[in-house]
Protein backbone atom coordinates (compact mmCIF):
# COMPACT_ATOMS: atom_id res chain seq x y z
CA MET A 1 -18.90 36.03 -103.50
CA ALA A 2 -22.40 34.95 -104.34
CA ARG A 3 -24.72 32.24 -103.28
CA LYS A 4 -26.87 30.51 -106.15
CA VAL A 5 -30.44 29.58 -104.60
CA ASP A 6 -33.20 28.19 -106.42
CA TYR A 7 -36.59 29.93 -105.63
CA SER A 8 -40.21 29.93 -106.78
CA LYS A 9 -42.51 32.58 -106.07
CA TYR A 10 -46.22 32.52 -105.62
CA HIS A 11 -48.73 34.58 -104.08
CA GLY A 12 -52.31 34.03 -102.20
CA LEU A 13 -54.53 37.03 -103.13
CA GLU A 14 -51.37 39.23 -103.52
CA ASN A 15 -49.64 38.26 -100.30
CA ASP A 16 -46.52 37.05 -102.03
CA PHE A 17 -44.21 34.41 -100.61
CA VAL A 18 -40.60 33.12 -102.11
CA VAL A 19 -40.34 29.22 -101.31
CA ILE A 20 -37.08 27.86 -101.34
CA ASN A 21 -35.92 23.95 -100.30
CA GLN A 22 -34.14 24.39 -97.16
CA THR A 23 -31.61 21.54 -97.65
CA SER A 24 -30.20 23.97 -100.81
CA LEU A 25 -30.06 26.91 -99.03
CA ARG A 26 -27.08 26.03 -97.13
CA LEU A 27 -26.83 29.17 -94.77
CA VAL A 28 -25.67 29.06 -91.40
CA SER A 29 -28.76 30.22 -89.17
CA GLU A 30 -27.11 33.60 -88.16
CA ARG A 31 -27.39 34.57 -92.20
CA LEU A 32 -31.02 33.56 -92.28
CA THR A 33 -32.35 37.17 -91.29
CA ASP A 34 -29.80 38.66 -93.75
CA PHE A 35 -31.06 36.21 -96.97
CA VAL A 36 -34.37 37.03 -96.00
CA ARG A 37 -34.12 40.69 -95.91
CA ALA A 38 -32.08 40.81 -99.12
CA CYS A 39 -34.63 38.27 -100.82
CA CYS A 40 -37.59 39.98 -100.03
CA THR A 41 -36.43 43.28 -100.54
CA ARG A 42 -38.67 44.67 -103.99
CA GLN A 43 -35.98 46.94 -105.48
CA THR A 44 -32.73 44.76 -105.37
CA GLY A 45 -34.16 41.17 -104.53
CA ILE A 46 -36.75 38.88 -105.53
CA GLY A 47 -39.38 40.77 -103.71
CA ALA A 48 -41.95 39.44 -101.36
CA ASP A 49 -44.24 39.52 -98.13
CA GLY A 50 -41.87 36.52 -96.72
CA VAL A 51 -40.09 33.37 -97.38
CA VAL A 52 -41.43 29.98 -96.58
CA LEU A 53 -38.49 27.30 -96.02
CA PHE A 54 -39.55 23.81 -96.22
CA SER A 55 -37.73 20.19 -96.22
CA LEU A 56 -38.94 16.77 -96.49
CA ARG A 57 -38.06 14.44 -93.45
CA GLY A 58 -39.28 10.81 -94.10
CA GLY A 59 -41.47 12.11 -96.74
CA ARG A 60 -43.51 14.66 -94.55
CA PRO A 61 -43.09 18.02 -95.43
CA HIS A 62 -41.76 20.76 -92.64
CA MET A 63 -42.31 24.27 -92.77
CA ARG A 64 -40.74 27.37 -91.58
CA LEU A 65 -42.17 31.15 -92.31
CA PHE A 66 -40.17 34.20 -92.28
CA ASN A 67 -41.51 38.03 -92.50
CA ALA A 68 -39.82 40.64 -95.00
CA ASP A 69 -38.00 41.66 -91.78
CA GLY A 70 -36.43 38.63 -90.91
CA SER A 71 -38.11 37.58 -88.65
CA GLU A 72 -39.14 33.87 -87.94
CA ALA A 73 -43.35 33.82 -87.75
CA GLU A 74 -45.50 31.19 -86.01
CA ILE A 75 -47.63 30.33 -89.25
CA SER A 76 -49.41 31.84 -92.20
CA GLY A 77 -52.41 31.02 -93.85
CA ASN A 78 -51.30 31.91 -97.18
CA GLY A 79 -47.95 30.85 -96.82
CA LEU A 80 -49.29 27.42 -96.11
CA ARG A 81 -51.64 27.01 -98.93
CA ILE A 82 -48.88 28.29 -101.23
CA LEU A 83 -46.38 25.49 -99.62
CA ALA A 84 -48.97 23.12 -100.45
CA GLN A 85 -49.23 24.05 -104.10
CA HIS A 86 -45.75 24.05 -104.49
CA LEU A 87 -45.06 20.29 -103.12
CA ARG A 88 -47.96 19.03 -105.56
CA ARG A 89 -46.74 21.31 -108.32
CA ARG A 90 -42.90 19.48 -108.00
CA GLY A 91 -44.58 16.58 -107.60
CA LEU A 92 -43.27 16.12 -104.13
CA ILE A 93 -46.33 15.18 -102.56
CA LYS A 94 -48.96 13.37 -104.97
CA GLU A 95 -51.95 13.09 -102.09
CA ARG A 96 -54.23 15.50 -102.34
CA ARG A 97 -54.73 15.41 -98.18
CA PHE A 98 -51.49 15.57 -96.44
CA LYS A 99 -50.06 17.39 -92.95
CA VAL A 100 -47.49 19.99 -92.84
CA ILE A 101 -45.24 20.34 -89.82
CA THR A 102 -44.94 23.79 -89.01
CA LYS A 103 -44.02 25.77 -85.62
CA ILE A 104 -47.24 25.14 -84.17
CA GLY A 105 -47.59 21.52 -85.00
CA GLY A 106 -48.65 19.18 -87.71
CA LEU A 107 -51.62 20.97 -89.56
CA GLN A 108 -53.83 19.25 -92.55
CA VAL A 109 -53.76 20.31 -95.81
CA ARG A 110 -56.52 19.41 -98.60
CA VAL A 111 -56.23 20.50 -102.26
CA VAL A 112 -59.90 21.28 -103.22
CA SER A 113 -59.10 22.06 -106.95
CA GLY A 114 -56.41 23.01 -109.42
CA SER A 115 -52.87 22.01 -110.60
CA GLY A 116 -49.86 23.63 -111.90
CA LEU A 117 -50.23 27.48 -111.91
CA ARG A 118 -53.49 27.54 -109.90
CA GLN A 119 -54.65 25.90 -106.72
CA GLN A 120 -57.73 26.06 -104.29
CA THR A 121 -56.67 24.81 -101.01
CA GLU A 122 -58.33 24.27 -97.63
CA ILE A 123 -56.02 24.47 -94.82
CA GLU A 124 -56.29 23.72 -91.13
CA LEU A 125 -55.63 26.46 -88.28
CA ALA A 126 -54.63 26.25 -84.56
CA GLN A 127 -58.03 26.45 -82.72
CA PRO A 128 -58.40 29.77 -81.29
CA ARG A 129 -57.34 31.09 -77.95
CA PHE A 130 -58.72 33.98 -76.22
CA GLN A 131 -56.52 33.77 -72.92
CA THR A 132 -54.15 36.81 -73.01
CA GLU A 133 -51.20 34.43 -71.72
CA LYS A 134 -51.85 32.82 -74.70
CA VAL A 135 -52.03 35.65 -77.46
CA PRO A 136 -49.71 36.61 -75.65
CA MET A 137 -50.53 40.00 -74.13
CA LYS A 138 -49.59 41.55 -71.13
CA VAL A 139 -52.48 42.74 -69.38
CA LYS A 140 -54.26 42.21 -66.11
CA SER A 141 -57.19 40.64 -67.43
CA LYS A 142 -57.59 37.10 -68.42
CA HIS A 143 -59.13 37.82 -71.47
CA PHE A 144 -59.32 40.97 -73.84
CA ILE A 145 -62.60 40.69 -75.41
CA GLN A 146 -64.44 44.11 -77.11
CA ARG A 147 -62.41 46.45 -74.77
CA GLU A 148 -61.07 49.54 -75.53
CA PHE A 149 -57.24 49.67 -76.43
CA LYS A 150 -55.49 53.18 -76.44
CA THR A 151 -52.33 53.89 -78.47
CA ASN A 152 -50.61 57.45 -79.30
CA ALA A 153 -52.47 56.97 -82.70
CA GLY A 154 -55.98 56.78 -80.85
CA ALA A 155 -58.23 54.27 -79.50
CA LEU A 156 -60.50 51.49 -80.82
CA ILE A 157 -62.18 48.51 -79.27
CA GLY A 158 -60.49 45.35 -79.69
CA THR A 159 -60.43 41.44 -79.18
CA ALA A 160 -56.91 39.62 -78.96
CA VAL A 161 -56.90 36.08 -79.94
CA SER A 162 -54.49 33.69 -81.00
CA VAL A 163 -55.03 31.31 -84.28
CA GLY A 164 -51.35 30.19 -83.64
CA ASN A 165 -50.09 33.51 -83.96
CA PRO A 166 -50.97 36.50 -82.02
CA HIS A 167 -53.73 39.18 -83.58
CA ILE A 168 -55.72 41.94 -82.17
CA VAL A 169 -59.15 42.39 -84.31
CA PHE A 170 -60.85 45.91 -84.30
CA PHE A 171 -64.71 45.73 -85.62
CA VAL A 172 -65.15 49.11 -87.55
CA ASP A 173 -67.89 50.85 -89.22
CA HIS A 174 -65.76 52.18 -91.78
CA PHE A 175 -62.15 52.30 -93.39
CA ASP A 176 -62.39 55.98 -93.82
CA PHE A 177 -59.37 56.87 -91.06
CA ASP A 178 -55.77 56.22 -90.79
CA TRP A 179 -55.83 52.39 -90.10
CA LYS A 180 -52.24 51.92 -91.40
CA ALA A 181 -50.85 54.48 -88.53
CA PHE A 182 -53.16 52.45 -86.03
CA GLY A 183 -51.74 49.07 -86.94
CA ALA A 184 -48.29 50.25 -87.14
CA SER A 185 -48.72 51.68 -83.40
CA VAL A 186 -50.51 48.76 -82.37
CA THR A 187 -48.05 46.15 -83.87
CA VAL A 188 -44.99 46.92 -81.55
CA ASP A 189 -47.26 47.87 -78.34
CA LYS A 190 -45.51 46.66 -75.27
CA ARG A 191 -48.38 44.99 -74.21
CA PHE A 192 -47.68 42.53 -76.99
CA PRO A 193 -44.39 41.06 -76.00
CA GLU A 194 -44.08 39.11 -79.62
CA GLY A 195 -45.41 41.80 -81.47
CA THR A 196 -49.15 41.36 -82.84
CA ASN A 197 -50.97 41.13 -86.43
CA VAL A 198 -53.68 43.76 -86.22
CA GLU A 199 -56.92 43.73 -88.36
CA PHE A 200 -59.76 45.91 -89.15
CA ALA A 201 -62.88 44.21 -89.97
CA ARG A 202 -66.06 45.68 -91.38
CA ILE A 203 -69.41 43.54 -90.65
CA LYS A 204 -71.54 43.30 -93.83
CA SER A 205 -73.83 40.35 -92.15
CA ARG A 206 -73.41 37.43 -90.24
CA THR A 207 -71.82 35.95 -93.03
CA GLN A 208 -69.81 38.01 -94.59
CA ALA A 209 -66.87 40.83 -93.37
CA SER A 210 -64.32 43.05 -95.20
CA HIS A 211 -60.85 43.03 -93.76
CA LEU A 212 -57.95 45.12 -93.74
CA SER A 213 -54.19 43.96 -91.76
CA TRP A 214 -51.11 45.18 -90.53
CA GLU A 215 -48.75 42.09 -90.51
CA ARG A 216 -46.30 41.76 -87.85
CA GLY A 217 -43.19 42.09 -89.71
CA VAL A 218 -44.21 43.19 -92.70
CA GLY A 219 -46.66 46.38 -92.62
CA PRO A 220 -50.04 46.49 -94.93
CA THR A 221 -50.79 43.67 -96.81
CA ARG A 222 -53.09 42.98 -99.73
CA ALA A 223 -54.33 39.73 -97.68
CA CYS A 224 -53.75 37.87 -94.51
CA ALA A 225 -55.50 34.38 -94.13
CA THR A 226 -54.63 34.11 -90.29
CA GLY A 227 -55.85 37.81 -90.01
CA ALA A 228 -59.40 36.70 -91.76
CA ALA A 229 -59.54 33.50 -89.04
CA ALA A 230 -58.88 35.86 -86.28
CA VAL A 231 -61.59 38.33 -87.58
CA VAL A 232 -64.39 35.33 -87.73
CA ALA A 233 -63.11 33.95 -84.19
CA ALA A 234 -63.44 37.15 -82.75
CA GLY A 235 -66.77 37.91 -84.42
CA ILE A 236 -68.04 34.45 -83.07
CA MET A 237 -66.86 35.28 -79.77
CA SER A 238 -68.46 38.97 -79.89
CA GLY A 239 -71.46 37.49 -81.05
CA LEU A 240 -70.99 39.42 -84.40
CA LEU A 241 -70.50 36.61 -86.99
CA ASP A 242 -71.88 32.67 -87.79
CA HIS A 243 -69.46 29.91 -88.05
CA LYS A 244 -69.27 29.93 -91.66
CA VAL A 245 -68.08 33.18 -92.90
CA GLU A 246 -66.76 34.84 -96.32
CA VAL A 247 -64.03 37.46 -95.70
CA ASN A 248 -63.30 39.93 -98.28
CA GLU A 249 -59.77 40.87 -98.45
CA LEU A 250 -58.27 43.76 -100.80
CA ALA A 251 -57.54 41.44 -103.55
CA GLY A 252 -60.55 38.46 -103.27
CA ASP A 253 -62.08 36.38 -101.08
CA LEU A 254 -61.40 33.63 -98.14
CA HIS A 255 -63.85 31.64 -96.66
CA ILE A 256 -63.49 30.41 -93.00
CA LYS A 257 -65.46 27.40 -91.06
CA ALA A 258 -65.40 26.93 -87.66
CA ASN A 259 -67.14 24.37 -86.31
CA SER A 260 -66.75 25.01 -82.64
CA LEU A 261 -64.18 27.60 -81.13
CA ASP A 262 -62.85 24.37 -79.17
CA GLU A 263 -61.68 23.22 -82.50
CA PRO A 264 -59.35 24.06 -85.31
CA LEU A 265 -60.66 26.52 -87.60
CA LEU A 266 -60.80 25.71 -91.04
CA LEU A 267 -59.90 28.09 -94.20
CA THR A 268 -59.96 27.73 -98.07
CA GLY A 269 -58.73 30.26 -100.31
CA PRO A 270 -56.59 30.36 -104.00
CA SER A 271 -52.74 30.41 -104.66
CA LEU A 272 -51.13 31.39 -108.03
CA PHE A 273 -47.64 30.49 -108.98
CA ILE A 274 -45.77 33.64 -110.49
CA SER A 275 -42.12 32.49 -111.15
CA GLU A 276 -38.93 30.35 -110.71
CA GLY A 277 -35.38 30.95 -111.00
CA LEU A 278 -32.25 31.58 -109.41
CA TYR A 279 -31.45 34.15 -106.78
CA HIS A 280 -27.82 35.17 -106.21
CA PHE A 281 -27.36 36.17 -102.60
CA ALA A 282 -24.55 38.30 -102.17
CA LEU A 283 -22.39 36.62 -99.35
CA ASP A 284 -20.34 39.53 -99.01
CA GLU A 285 -22.56 42.66 -99.14
CA PRO A 286 -23.97 44.73 -96.28
CA ASN A 287 -27.45 43.85 -94.67
CA PRO A 288 -29.74 45.73 -96.97
CA HIS A 289 -31.74 47.13 -93.43
């Protein structure tokens, strides 16, 4: 027996998501993890880094975000821009400025340009938090800023920060090391009770940085927007970056603006529509993982 689910697929700098109206999914919460894992599996499902579920309540969009492993995440910058494009493309939202209710609260969205297949969107992310209890990170110190972080994969100097979800940022001179092994080790480190996203950044100038990401619940991705925001926040806090920065991802550029570290960060970047159709979710098949 299979459940037929309408879906649309988009990517933000090749960080791809499946977008589904939650009201049409009709699955009990216990099956959501199975559904997301099956949907994101590239060999037998649609294939994606994650799933965005949305609903409209009183005309206001609500968003839930799931990683490819089925775990629910607080927020995704690429996922939020993708949902903004989907809502506009489907005519569900007419305004160019609107708010999306997420797990971390209401976040402002502004469509900068484009319609239909491609869109450039500015989104609001949370105010960066460096207190370790807010990240969250279990260490004795109140902050973890430019401190040595040791794992079985080695040691680097890192800064822990939350931009609505947890990150640790490592500024490096080059990427010519096994950053994937290091990221895989750090993301499940017991010092992060909820896991963490792991960011590696190389400073090019005070207004430009290149970035690689190991995303919690996914692995290495072509772009991580909240990771880019975390890089800029950590760079400002460490005196390495200015308040307007171009972050170079593997598949393109994101632009981060921080009026102040006491205010929400603003991030601008593209999203692109890929496809849509019916996904047949086999209710009686075993979990693919």
